[in-house]
Amino acid sequence: LRIIKHEQFGRYYGISHDIAVIKLQTSLRMGCGVSSIPLANSYPR
């Protein structure tokens, strides 16, 4: 349905802030083989 790219993507040789969020037109049917994953609060050592 809609896509938002990070506003700073492309400003640093096109490689920094390489992330986008996508909204779907209809909801996914969650279950076996379809599940969300939580975002990390910190990155591994």
ModelCIF file with pLDDT and N, C-alpha, C, O atoms, coordinates in Angstrom:
data_MODEL
#
_entry.id   MODEL 
#
_entity.id                         1 
_entity.type                       polymer 
_entity.pdbx_number_of_molecules   1 
#
_entity_poly.entity_id                      1 
_entity_poly.type                           'polypeptide(L)' 
_entity_poly.nstd_linkage                   no 
_entity_poly.nstd_monomer                   no 
_entity_poly.pdbx_seq_one_letter_code       LRIIKHEQFGRYYGISHDIAVIKLQTSLRMGCGVSSIPLANSYPR 
_entity_poly.pdbx_seq_one_letter_code_can   LRIIKHEQFGRYYGISHDIAVIKLQTSLRMGCGVSSIPLANSYPR 
_entity_poly.pdbx_strand_id                 A 
#
loop_
_entity_poly_seq.entity_id 
_entity_poly_seq.num 
_entity_poly_seq.mon_id 
_entity_poly_seq.hetero 
1 1  LEU n 
1 2  ARG n 
1 3  ILE n 
1 4  ILE n 
1 5  LYS n 
1 6  HIS n 
1 7  GLU n 
1 8  GLN n 
1 9  PHE n 
1 10 GLY n 
1 11 ARG n 
1 12 TYR n 
1 13 TYR n 
1 14 GLY n 
1 15 ILE n 
1 16 SER n 
1 17 HIS n 
1 18 ASP n 
1 19 ILE n 
1 20 ALA n 
1 21 VAL n 
1 22 ILE n 
1 23 LYS n 
1 24 LEU n 
1 25 GLN n 
1 26 THR n 
1 27 SER n 
1 28 LEU n 
1 29 ARG n 
1 30 MET n 
1 31 GLY n 
1 32 CYS n 
1 33 GLY n 
1 34 VAL n 
1 35 SER n 
1 36 SER n 
1 37 ILE n 
1 38 PRO n 
1 39 LEU n 
1 40 ALA n 
1 41 ASN n 
1 42 SER n 
1 43 TYR n 
1 44 PRO n 
1 45 ARG n 
#
_struct_asym.id          A 
_struct_asym.entity_id   1 
#
loop_
_ma_qa_metric.id 
_ma_qa_metric.mode 
_ma_qa_metric.name 
_ma_qa_metric.software_group_id 
_ma_qa_metric.type 
1 global pLDDT . pLDDT 
2 local  pLDDT . pLDDT 
#
_ma_qa_metric_global.metric_id      1 
_ma_qa_metric_global.metric_value   93.60 
_ma_qa_metric_global.model_id       1 
_ma_qa_metric_global.ordinal_id     1 
#
loop_
_ma_qa_metric_local.label_asym_id 
_ma_qa_metric_local.label_comp_id 
_ma_qa_metric_local.label_seq_id 
_ma_qa_metric_local.metric_id 
_ma_qa_metric_local.metric_value 
_ma_qa_metric_local.model_id 
_ma_qa_metric_local.ordinal_id 
A LEU 1  2 98.00 1 1  
A ARG 2  2 98.00 1 2  
A ILE 3  2 98.00 1 3  
A ILE 4  2 98.00 1 4  
A LYS 5  2 97.00 1 5  
A HIS 6  2 97.00 1 6  
A GLU 7  2 95.00 1 7  
A GLN 8  2 94.00 1 8  
A PHE 9  2 94.00 1 9  
A GLY 10 2 85.00 1 10 
A ARG 11 2 80.00 1 11 
A TYR 12 2 63.00 1 12 
A TYR 13 2 59.00 1 13 
A GLY 14 2 61.00 1 14 
A ILE 15 2 84.00 1 15 
A SER 16 2 91.00 1 16 
A HIS 17 2 96.00 1 17 
A ASP 18 2 97.00 1 18 
A ILE 19 2 98.00 1 19 
A ALA 20 2 98.00 1 20 
A VAL 21 2 98.00 1 21 
A ILE 22 2 98.00 1 22 
A LYS 23 2 98.00 1 23 
A LEU 24 2 98.00 1 24 
A GLN 25 2 98.00 1 25 
A THR 26 2 98.00 1 26 
A SER 27 2 98.00 1 27 
A LEU 28 2 98.00 1 28 
A ARG 29 2 98.00 1 29 
A MET 30 2 98.00 1 30 
A GLY 31 2 96.00 1 31 
A CYS 32 2 93.00 1 32 
A GLY 33 2 97.00 1 33 
A VAL 34 2 98.00 1 34 
A SER 35 2 98.00 1 35 
A SER 36 2 98.00 1 36 
A ILE 37 2 98.00 1 37 
A PRO 38 2 98.00 1 38 
A LEU 39 2 98.00 1 39 
A ALA 40 2 98.00 1 40 
A ASN 41 2 97.00 1 41 
A SER 42 2 96.00 1 42 
A TYR 43 2 92.00 1 43 
A PRO 44 2 97.00 1 44 
A ARG 45 2 97.00 1 45 
#
loop_
_atom_site.group_PDB 
_atom_site.id 
_atom_site.type_symbol 
_atom_site.label_atom_id 
_atom_site.label_alt_id 
_atom_site.label_comp_id 
_atom_site.label_asym_id 
_atom_site.label_entity_id 
_atom_site.label_seq_id 
_atom_site.pdbx_PDB_ins_code 
_atom_site.Cartn_x 
_atom_site.Cartn_y 
_atom_site.Cartn_z 
_atom_site.occupancy 
_atom_site.B_iso_or_equiv 
_atom_site.pdbx_formal_charge 
_atom_site.auth_seq_id 
_atom_site.auth_comp_id 
_atom_site.auth_asym_id 
_atom_site.auth_atom_id 
_atom_site.pdbx_PDB_model_num 
ATOM 1   N N  . LEU A 1 1  ? 0.815  -1.212  0.000  1.00 98.00 ? 1  LEU A N  1 
ATOM 2   C CA . LEU A 1 1  ? 0.000  0.000   0.000  1.00 98.00 ? 1  LEU A CA 1 
ATOM 3   C C  . LEU A 1 1  ? 0.848  1.261   0.000  1.00 98.00 ? 1  LEU A C  1 
ATOM 4   O O  . LEU A 1 1  ? 0.599  2.185   -0.774 1.00 98.00 ? 1  LEU A O  1 
ATOM 5   N N  . ARG A 1 2  ? 1.859  1.296   0.877  1.00 98.00 ? 2  ARG A N  1 
ATOM 6   C CA . ARG A 1 2  ? 2.661  2.506   1.026  1.00 98.00 ? 2  ARG A CA 1 
ATOM 7   C C  . ARG A 1 2  ? 4.067  2.153   1.483  1.00 98.00 ? 2  ARG A C  1 
ATOM 8   O O  . ARG A 1 2  ? 4.267  1.161   2.184  1.00 98.00 ? 2  ARG A O  1 
ATOM 9   N N  . ILE A 1 3  ? 5.042  2.967   1.085  1.00 98.00 ? 3  ILE A N  1 
ATOM 10  C CA . ILE A 1 3  ? 6.446  2.750   1.437  1.00 98.00 ? 3  ILE A CA 1 
ATOM 11  C C  . ILE A 1 3  ? 7.028  4.057   1.974  1.00 98.00 ? 3  ILE A C  1 
ATOM 12  O O  . ILE A 1 3  ? 6.810  5.121   1.394  1.00 98.00 ? 3  ILE A O  1 
ATOM 13  N N  . ILE A 1 4  ? 7.766  3.975   3.080  1.00 98.00 ? 4  ILE A N  1 
ATOM 14  C CA . ILE A 1 4  ? 8.526  5.117   3.578  1.00 98.00 ? 4  ILE A CA 1 
ATOM 15  C C  . ILE A 1 4  ? 9.997  4.712   3.645  1.00 98.00 ? 4  ILE A C  1 
ATOM 16  O O  . ILE A 1 4  ? 10.357 3.779   4.364  1.00 98.00 ? 4  ILE A O  1 
ATOM 17  N N  . LYS A 1 5  ? 10.840 5.412   2.897  1.00 97.00 ? 5  LYS A N  1 
ATOM 18  C CA . LYS A 1 5  ? 12.290 5.220   2.986  1.00 97.00 ? 5  LYS A CA 1 
ATOM 19  C C  . LYS A 1 5  ? 12.858 6.194   4.013  1.00 97.00 ? 5  LYS A C  1 
ATOM 20  O O  . LYS A 1 5  ? 12.284 7.253   4.268  1.00 97.00 ? 5  LYS A O  1 
ATOM 21  N N  . HIS A 1 6  ? 13.981 5.824   4.591  1.00 97.00 ? 6  HIS A N  1 
ATOM 22  C CA . HIS A 1 6  ? 14.665 6.751   5.490  1.00 97.00 ? 6  HIS A CA 1 
ATOM 23  C C  . HIS A 1 6  ? 15.051 8.008   4.721  1.00 97.00 ? 6  HIS A C  1 
ATOM 24  O O  . HIS A 1 6  ? 15.583 7.934   3.613  1.00 97.00 ? 6  HIS A O  1 
ATOM 25  N N  . GLU A 1 7  ? 14.777 9.160   5.319  1.00 95.00 ? 7  GLU A N  1 
ATOM 26  C CA . GLU A 1 7  ? 14.997 10.431  4.635  1.00 95.00 ? 7  GLU A CA 1 
ATOM 27  C C  . GLU A 1 7  ? 16.466 10.689  4.315  1.00 95.00 ? 7  GLU A C  1 
ATOM 28  O O  . GLU A 1 7  ? 16.773 11.438  3.388  1.00 95.00 ? 7  GLU A O  1 
ATOM 29  N N  . GLN A 1 8  ? 17.370 10.082  5.066  1.00 94.00 ? 8  GLN A N  1 
ATOM 30  C CA . GLN A 1 8  ? 18.794 10.312  4.829  1.00 94.00 ? 8  GLN A CA 1 
ATOM 31  C C  . GLN A 1 8  ? 19.421 9.277   3.909  1.00 94.00 ? 8  GLN A C  1 
ATOM 32  O O  . GLN A 1 8  ? 20.613 9.344   3.610  1.00 94.00 ? 8  GLN A O  1 
ATOM 33  N N  . PHE A 1 9  ? 18.622 8.325   3.461  1.00 94.00 ? 9  PHE A N  1 
ATOM 34  C CA . PHE A 1 9  ? 19.166 7.341   2.526  1.00 94.00 ? 9  PHE A CA 1 
ATOM 35  C C  . PHE A 1 9  ? 19.611 8.043   1.242  1.00 94.00 ? 9  PHE A C  1 
ATOM 36  O O  . PHE A 1 9  ? 18.888 8.874   0.693  1.00 94.00 ? 9  PHE A O  1 
ATOM 37  N N  . GLY A 1 10 ? 20.812 7.694   0.773  1.00 85.00 ? 10 GLY A N  1 
ATOM 38  C CA . GLY A 1 10 ? 21.337 8.279   -0.459 1.00 85.00 ? 10 GLY A CA 1 
ATOM 39  C C  . GLY A 1 10 ? 22.210 9.496   -0.265 1.00 85.00 ? 10 GLY A C  1 
ATOM 40  O O  . GLY A 1 10 ? 22.827 9.973   -1.218 1.00 85.00 ? 10 GLY A O  1 
ATOM 41  N N  . ARG A 1 11 ? 22.274 10.010  0.961  1.00 80.00 ? 11 ARG A N  1 
ATOM 42  C CA . ARG A 1 11 ? 23.076 11.209  1.188  1.00 80.00 ? 11 ARG A CA 1 
ATOM 43  C C  . ARG A 1 11 ? 24.551 10.899  1.380  1.00 80.00 ? 11 ARG A C  1 
ATOM 44  O O  . ARG A 1 11 ? 25.403 11.755  1.142  1.00 80.00 ? 11 ARG A O  1 
ATOM 45  N N  . TYR A 1 12 ? 24.859 9.680   1.808  1.00 63.00 ? 12 TYR A N  1 
ATOM 46  C CA . TYR A 1 12 ? 26.249 9.307   2.059  1.00 63.00 ? 12 TYR A CA 1 
ATOM 47  C C  . TYR A 1 12 ? 26.642 8.187   1.099  1.00 63.00 ? 12 TYR A C  1 
ATOM 48  O O  . TYR A 1 12 ? 26.652 7.015   1.476  1.00 63.00 ? 12 TYR A O  1 
ATOM 49  N N  . TYR A 1 13 ? 26.959 8.543   -0.119 1.00 59.00 ? 13 TYR A N  1 
ATOM 50  C CA . TYR A 1 13 ? 27.344 7.578   -1.139 1.00 59.00 ? 13 TYR A CA 1 
ATOM 51  C C  . TYR A 1 13 ? 26.251 6.543   -1.398 1.00 59.00 ? 13 TYR A C  1 
ATOM 52  O O  . TYR A 1 13 ? 26.518 5.475   -1.949 1.00 59.00 ? 13 TYR A O  1 
ATOM 53  N N  . GLY A 1 14 ? 25.029 6.862   -1.002 1.00 61.00 ? 14 GLY A N  1 
ATOM 54  C CA . GLY A 1 14 ? 23.908 5.968   -1.264 1.00 61.00 ? 14 GLY A CA 1 
ATOM 55  C C  . GLY A 1 14 ? 23.854 4.726   -0.402 1.00 61.00 ? 14 GLY A C  1 
ATOM 56  O O  . GLY A 1 14 ? 23.103 3.804   -0.722 1.00 61.00 ? 14 GLY A O  1 
ATOM 57  N N  . ILE A 1 15 ? 24.621 4.657   0.684  1.00 84.00 ? 15 ILE A N  1 
ATOM 58  C CA . ILE A 1 15 ? 24.673 3.404   1.425  1.00 84.00 ? 15 ILE A CA 1 
ATOM 59  C C  . ILE A 1 15 ? 24.225 3.516   2.875  1.00 84.00 ? 15 ILE A C  1 
ATOM 60  O O  . ILE A 1 15 ? 23.870 2.501   3.475  1.00 84.00 ? 15 ILE A O  1 
ATOM 61  N N  . SER A 1 16 ? 24.228 4.704   3.457  1.00 91.00 ? 16 SER A N  1 
ATOM 62  C CA . SER A 1 16 ? 23.839 4.858   4.850  1.00 91.00 ? 16 SER A CA 1 
ATOM 63  C C  . SER A 1 16 ? 22.320 4.958   4.975  1.00 91.00 ? 16 SER A C  1 
ATOM 64  O O  . SER A 1 16 ? 21.642 5.379   4.038  1.00 91.00 ? 16 SER A O  1 
ATOM 65  N N  . HIS A 1 17 ? 21.783 4.567   6.146  1.00 96.00 ? 17 HIS A N  1 
ATOM 66  C CA . HIS A 1 17 ? 20.348 4.628   6.422  1.00 96.00 ? 17 HIS A CA 1 
ATOM 67  C C  . HIS A 1 17 ? 19.551 3.830   5.384  1.00 96.00 ? 17 HIS A C  1 
ATOM 68  O O  . HIS A 1 17 ? 18.501 4.274   4.920  1.00 96.00 ? 17 HIS A O  1 
ATOM 69  N N  . ASP A 1 18 ? 20.062 2.647   5.028  1.00 97.00 ? 18 ASP A N  1 
ATOM 70  C CA . ASP A 1 18 ? 19.453 1.831   3.977  1.00 97.00 ? 18 ASP A CA 1 
ATOM 71  C C  . ASP A 1 18 ? 18.311 0.995   4.556  1.00 97.00 ? 18 ASP A C  1 
ATOM 72  O O  . ASP A 1 18 ? 18.435 -0.219  4.719  1.00 97.00 ? 18 ASP A O  1 
ATOM 73  N N  . ILE A 1 19 ? 17.210 1.657   4.860  1.00 98.00 ? 19 ILE A N  1 
ATOM 74  C CA . ILE A 1 19 ? 16.073 0.971   5.463  1.00 98.00 ? 19 ILE A CA 1 
ATOM 75  C C  . ILE A 1 19 ? 14.778 1.615   4.999  1.00 98.00 ? 19 ILE A C  1 
ATOM 76  O O  . ILE A 1 19 ? 14.714 2.824   4.778  1.00 98.00 ? 19 ILE A O  1 
ATOM 77  N N  . ALA A 1 20 ? 13.749 0.790   4.855  1.00 98.00 ? 20 ALA A N  1 
ATOM 78  C CA . ALA A 1 20 ? 12.427 1.270   4.460  1.00 98.00 ? 20 ALA A CA 1 
ATOM 79  C C  . ALA A 1 20 ? 11.363 0.471   5.204  1.00 98.00 ? 20 ALA A C  1 
ATOM 80  O O  . ALA A 1 20 ? 11.556 -0.697  5.540  1.00 98.00 ? 20 ALA A O  1 
ATOM 81  N N  . VAL A 1 21 ? 10.241 1.132   5.450  1.00 98.00 ? 21 VAL A N  1 
ATOM 82  C CA . VAL A 1 21 ? 9.091  0.504   6.104  1.00 98.00 ? 21 VAL A CA 1 
ATOM 83  C C  . VAL A 1 21 ? 7.956  0.412   5.090  1.00 98.00 ? 21 VAL A C  1 
ATOM 84  O O  . VAL A 1 21 ? 7.664  1.382   4.390  1.00 98.00 ? 21 VAL A O  1 
ATOM 85  N N  . ILE A 1 22 ? 7.323  -0.743  5.012  1.00 98.00 ? 22 ILE A N  1 
ATOM 86  C CA . ILE A 1 22 ? 6.269  -1.003  4.038  1.00 98.00 ? 22 ILE A CA 1 
ATOM 87  C C  . ILE A 1 22 ? 4.964  -1.319  4.764  1.00 98.00 ? 22 ILE A C  1 
ATOM 88  O O  . ILE A 1 22 ? 4.940  -2.125  5.694  1.00 98.00 ? 22 ILE A O  1 
ATOM 89  N N  . LYS A 1 23 ? 3.885  -0.682  4.332  1.00 98.00 ? 23 LYS A N  1 
ATOM 90  C CA . LYS A 1 23 ? 2.553  -1.033  4.821  1.00 98.00 ? 23 LYS A CA 1 
ATOM 91  C C  . LYS A 1 23 ? 1.847  -1.847  3.745  1.00 98.00 ? 23 LYS A C  1 
ATOM 92  O O  . LYS A 1 23 ? 1.864  -1.485  2.568  1.00 98.00 ? 23 LYS A O  1 
ATOM 93  N N  . LEU A 1 24 ? 1.229  -2.943  4.155  1.00 98.00 ? 24 LEU A N  1 
ATOM 94  C CA . LEU A 1 24 ? 0.549  -3.838  3.232  1.00 98.00 ? 24 LEU A CA 1 
ATOM 95  C C  . LEU A 1 24 ? -0.926 -3.448  3.078  1.00 98.00 ? 24 LEU A C  1 
ATOM 96  O O  . LEU A 1 24 ? -1.515 -2.842  3.973  1.00 98.00 ? 24 LEU A O  1 
ATOM 97  N N  . GLN A 1 25 ? -1.503 -3.800  1.948  1.00 98.00 ? 25 GLN A N  1 
ATOM 98  C CA . GLN A 1 25 ? -2.904 -3.459  1.703  1.00 98.00 ? 25 GLN A CA 1 
ATOM 99  C C  . GLN A 1 25 ? -3.853 -4.279  2.567  1.00 98.00 ? 25 GLN A C  1 
ATOM 100 O O  . GLN A 1 25 ? -4.901 -3.790  2.987  1.00 98.00 ? 25 GLN A O  1 
ATOM 101 N N  . THR A 1 26 ? -3.478 -5.528  2.827  1.00 98.00 ? 26 THR A N  1 
ATOM 102 C CA . THR A 1 26 ? -4.289 -6.385  3.693  1.00 98.00 ? 26 THR A CA 1 
ATOM 103 C C  . THR A 1 26 ? -3.390 -7.058  4.723  1.00 98.00 ? 26 THR A C  1 
ATOM 104 O O  . THR A 1 26 ? -2.183 -7.185  4.522  1.00 98.00 ? 26 THR A O  1 
ATOM 105 N N  . SER A 1 27 ? -3.987 -7.480  5.813  1.00 98.00 ? 27 SER A N  1 
ATOM 106 C CA . SER A 1 27 ? -3.213 -8.082  6.899  1.00 98.00 ? 27 SER A CA 1 
ATOM 107 C C  . SER A 1 27 ? -2.745 -9.488  6.548  1.00 98.00 ? 27 SER A C  1 
ATOM 108 O O  . SER A 1 27 ? -3.453 -10.237 5.874  1.00 98.00 ? 27 SER A O  1 
ATOM 109 N N  . LEU A 1 28 ? -1.559 -9.838  7.003  1.00 98.00 ? 28 LEU A N  1 
ATOM 110 C CA . LEU A 1 28 ? -1.059 -11.201 6.856  1.00 98.00 ? 28 LEU A CA 1 
ATOM 111 C C  . LEU A 1 28 ? -1.803 -12.121 7.814  1.00 98.00 ? 28 LEU A C  1 
ATOM 112 O O  . LEU A 1 28 ? -2.213 -11.706 8.898  1.00 98.00 ? 28 LEU A O  1 
ATOM 113 N N  . ARG A 1 29 ? -1.972 -13.369 7.406  1.00 98.00 ? 29 ARG A N  1 
ATOM 114 C CA . ARG A 1 29 ? -2.530 -14.382 8.295  1.00 98.00 ? 29 ARG A CA 1 
ATOM 115 C C  . ARG A 1 29 ? -1.356 -15.013 9.050  1.00 98.00 ? 29 ARG A C  1 
ATOM 116 O O  . ARG A 1 29 ? -0.601 -15.814 8.500  1.00 98.00 ? 29 ARG A O  1 
ATOM 117 N N  . MET A 1 30 ? -1.227 -14.638 10.294 1.00 98.00 ? 30 MET A N  1 
ATOM 118 C CA . MET A 1 30 ? -0.097 -15.104 11.092 1.00 98.00 ? 30 MET A CA 1 
ATOM 119 C C  . MET A 1 30 ? -0.331 -16.556 11.517 1.00 98.00 ? 30 MET A C  1 
ATOM 120 O O  . MET A 1 30 ? -1.472 -16.983 11.693 1.00 98.00 ? 30 MET A O  1 
ATOM 121 N N  . GLY A 1 31 ? 0.745  -17.296 11.677 1.00 96.00 ? 31 GLY A N  1 
ATOM 122 C CA . GLY A 1 31 ? 0.640  -18.692 12.074 1.00 96.00 ? 31 GLY A CA 1 
ATOM 123 C C  . GLY A 1 31 ? 1.920  -19.421 11.751 1.00 96.00 ? 31 GLY A C  1 
ATOM 124 O O  . GLY A 1 31 ? 2.990  -18.813 11.728 1.00 96.00 ? 31 GLY A O  1 
ATOM 125 N N  . CYS A 1 32 ? 1.833  -20.713 11.500 1.00 93.00 ? 32 CYS A N  1 
ATOM 126 C CA . CYS A 1 32 ? 3.009  -21.517 11.187 1.00 93.00 ? 32 CYS A CA 1 
ATOM 127 C C  . CYS A 1 32 ? 3.676  -20.987 9.919  1.00 93.00 ? 32 CYS A C  1 
ATOM 128 O O  . CYS A 1 32 ? 3.056  -20.964 8.855  1.00 93.00 ? 32 CYS A O  1 
ATOM 129 N N  . GLY A 1 33 ? 4.915  -20.570 10.025 1.00 97.00 ? 33 GLY A N  1 
ATOM 130 C CA . GLY A 1 33 ? 5.655  -20.059 8.883  1.00 97.00 ? 33 GLY A CA 1 
ATOM 131 C C  . GLY A 1 33 ? 5.453  -18.582 8.622  1.00 97.00 ? 33 GLY A C  1 
ATOM 132 O O  . GLY A 1 33 ? 6.073  -18.033 7.711  1.00 97.00 ? 33 GLY A O  1 
ATOM 133 N N  . VAL A 1 34 ? 4.605  -17.920 9.395  1.00 98.00 ? 34 VAL A N  1 
ATOM 134 C CA . VAL A 1 34 ? 4.382  -16.475 9.232  1.00 98.00 ? 34 VAL A CA 1 
ATOM 135 C C  . VAL A 1 34 ? 4.323  -15.849 10.618 1.00 98.00 ? 34 VAL A C  1 
ATOM 136 O O  . VAL A 1 34 ? 3.321  -15.984 11.320 1.00 98.00 ? 34 VAL A O  1 
ATOM 137 N N  . SER A 1 35 ? 5.388  -15.167 11.014 1.00 98.00 ? 35 SER A N  1 
ATOM 138 C CA . SER A 1 35 ? 5.457  -14.602 12.357 1.00 98.00 ? 35 SER A CA 1 
ATOM 139 C C  . SER A 1 35 ? 6.324  -13.346 12.341 1.00 98.00 ? 35 SER A C  1 
ATOM 140 O O  . SER A 1 35 ? 7.225  -13.212 11.514 1.00 98.00 ? 35 SER A O  1 
ATOM 141 N N  . SER A 1 36 ? 6.045  -12.446 13.249 1.00 98.00 ? 36 SER A N  1 
ATOM 142 C CA . SER A 1 36 ? 6.843  -11.226 13.372 1.00 98.00 ? 36 SER A CA 1 
ATOM 143 C C  . SER A 1 36 ? 8.097  -11.494 14.199 1.00 98.00 ? 36 SER A C  1 
ATOM 144 O O  . SER A 1 36 ? 8.218  -12.530 14.853 1.00 98.00 ? 36 SER A O  1 
ATOM 145 N N  . ILE A 1 37 ? 9.022  -10.546 14.158 1.00 98.00 ? 37 ILE A N  1 
ATOM 146 C CA . ILE A 1 37 ? 10.242 -10.628 14.959 1.00 98.00 ? 37 ILE A CA 1 
ATOM 147 C C  . ILE A 1 37 ? 10.458 -9.282  15.641 1.00 98.00 ? 37 ILE A C  1 
ATOM 148 O O  . ILE A 1 37 ? 10.297 -8.243  15.000 1.00 98.00 ? 37 ILE A O  1 
ATOM 149 N N  . PRO A 1 38 ? 10.818 -9.270  16.924 1.00 98.00 ? 38 PRO A N  1 
ATOM 150 C CA . PRO A 1 38 ? 11.029 -7.990  17.617 1.00 98.00 ? 38 PRO A CA 1 
ATOM 151 C C  . PRO A 1 38 ? 12.307 -7.297  17.170 1.00 98.00 ? 38 PRO A C  1 
ATOM 152 O O  . PRO A 1 38 ? 13.271 -7.944  16.759 1.00 98.00 ? 38 PRO A O  1 
ATOM 153 N N  . LEU A 1 39 ? 12.299 -5.971  17.255 1.00 98.00 ? 39 LEU A N  1 
ATOM 154 C CA . LEU A 1 39 ? 13.474 -5.172  16.932 1.00 98.00 ? 39 LEU A CA 1 
ATOM 155 C C  . LEU A 1 39 ? 14.457 -5.205  18.094 1.00 98.00 ? 39 LEU A C  1 
ATOM 156 O O  . LEU A 1 39 ? 14.056 -5.158  19.257 1.00 98.00 ? 39 LEU A O  1 
ATOM 157 N N  . ALA A 1 40 ? 15.733 -5.284  17.778 1.00 98.00 ? 40 ALA A N  1 
ATOM 158 C CA . ALA A 1 40 ? 16.764 -5.275  18.818 1.00 98.00 ? 40 ALA A CA 1 
ATOM 159 C C  . ALA A 1 40 ? 16.872 -3.893  19.452 1.00 98.00 ? 40 ALA A C  1 
ATOM 160 O O  . ALA A 1 40 ? 16.694 -2.875  18.783 1.00 98.00 ? 40 ALA A O  1 
ATOM 161 N N  . ASN A 1 41 ? 17.165 -3.868  20.756 1.00 97.00 ? 41 ASN A N  1 
ATOM 162 C CA . ASN A 1 41 ? 17.421 -2.616  21.460 1.00 97.00 ? 41 ASN A CA 1 
ATOM 163 C C  . ASN A 1 41 ? 18.897 -2.250  21.447 1.00 97.00 ? 41 ASN A C  1 
ATOM 164 O O  . ASN A 1 41 ? 19.264 -1.090  21.630 1.00 97.00 ? 41 ASN A O  1 
ATOM 165 N N  . SER A 1 42 ? 19.731 -3.248  21.229 1.00 96.00 ? 42 SER A N  1 
ATOM 166 C CA . SER A 1 42 ? 21.179 -3.026  21.172 1.00 96.00 ? 42 SER A CA 1 
ATOM 167 C C  . SER A 1 42 ? 21.752 -4.024  20.184 1.00 96.00 ? 42 SER A C  1 
ATOM 168 O O  . SER A 1 42 ? 21.129 -5.044  19.890 1.00 96.00 ? 42 SER A O  1 
ATOM 169 N N  . TYR A 1 43 ? 22.946 -3.730  19.669 1.00 92.00 ? 43 TYR A N  1 
ATOM 170 C CA . TYR A 1 43 ? 23.528 -4.662  18.710 1.00 92.00 ? 43 TYR A CA 1 
ATOM 171 C C  . TYR A 1 43 ? 24.567 -5.545  19.392 1.00 92.00 ? 43 TYR A C  1 
ATOM 172 O O  . TYR A 1 43 ? 25.182 -5.132  20.375 1.00 92.00 ? 43 TYR A O  1 
ATOM 173 N N  . PRO A 1 44 ? 24.769 -6.762  18.874 1.00 97.00 ? 44 PRO A N  1 
ATOM 174 C CA . PRO A 1 44 ? 25.669 -7.722  19.515 1.00 97.00 ? 44 PRO A CA 1 
ATOM 175 C C  . PRO A 1 44 ? 27.123 -7.251  19.483 1.00 97.00 ? 44 PRO A C  1 
ATOM 176 O O  . PRO A 1 44 ? 27.519 -6.447  18.640 1.00 97.00 ? 44 PRO A O  1 
ATOM 177 N N  . ARG A 1 45 ? 27.887 -7.765  20.407 1.00 97.00 ? 45 ARG A N  1 
ATOM 178 C CA . ARG A 1 45 ? 29.322 -7.461  20.456 1.00 97.00 ? 45 ARG A CA 1 
ATOM 179 C C  . ARG A 1 45 ? 30.052 -8.150  19.304 1.00 97.00 ? 45 ARG A C  1 
ATOM 180 O O  . ARG A 1 45 ? 31.269 -8.014  19.175 1.00 97.00 ? 45 ARG A O  1 
#
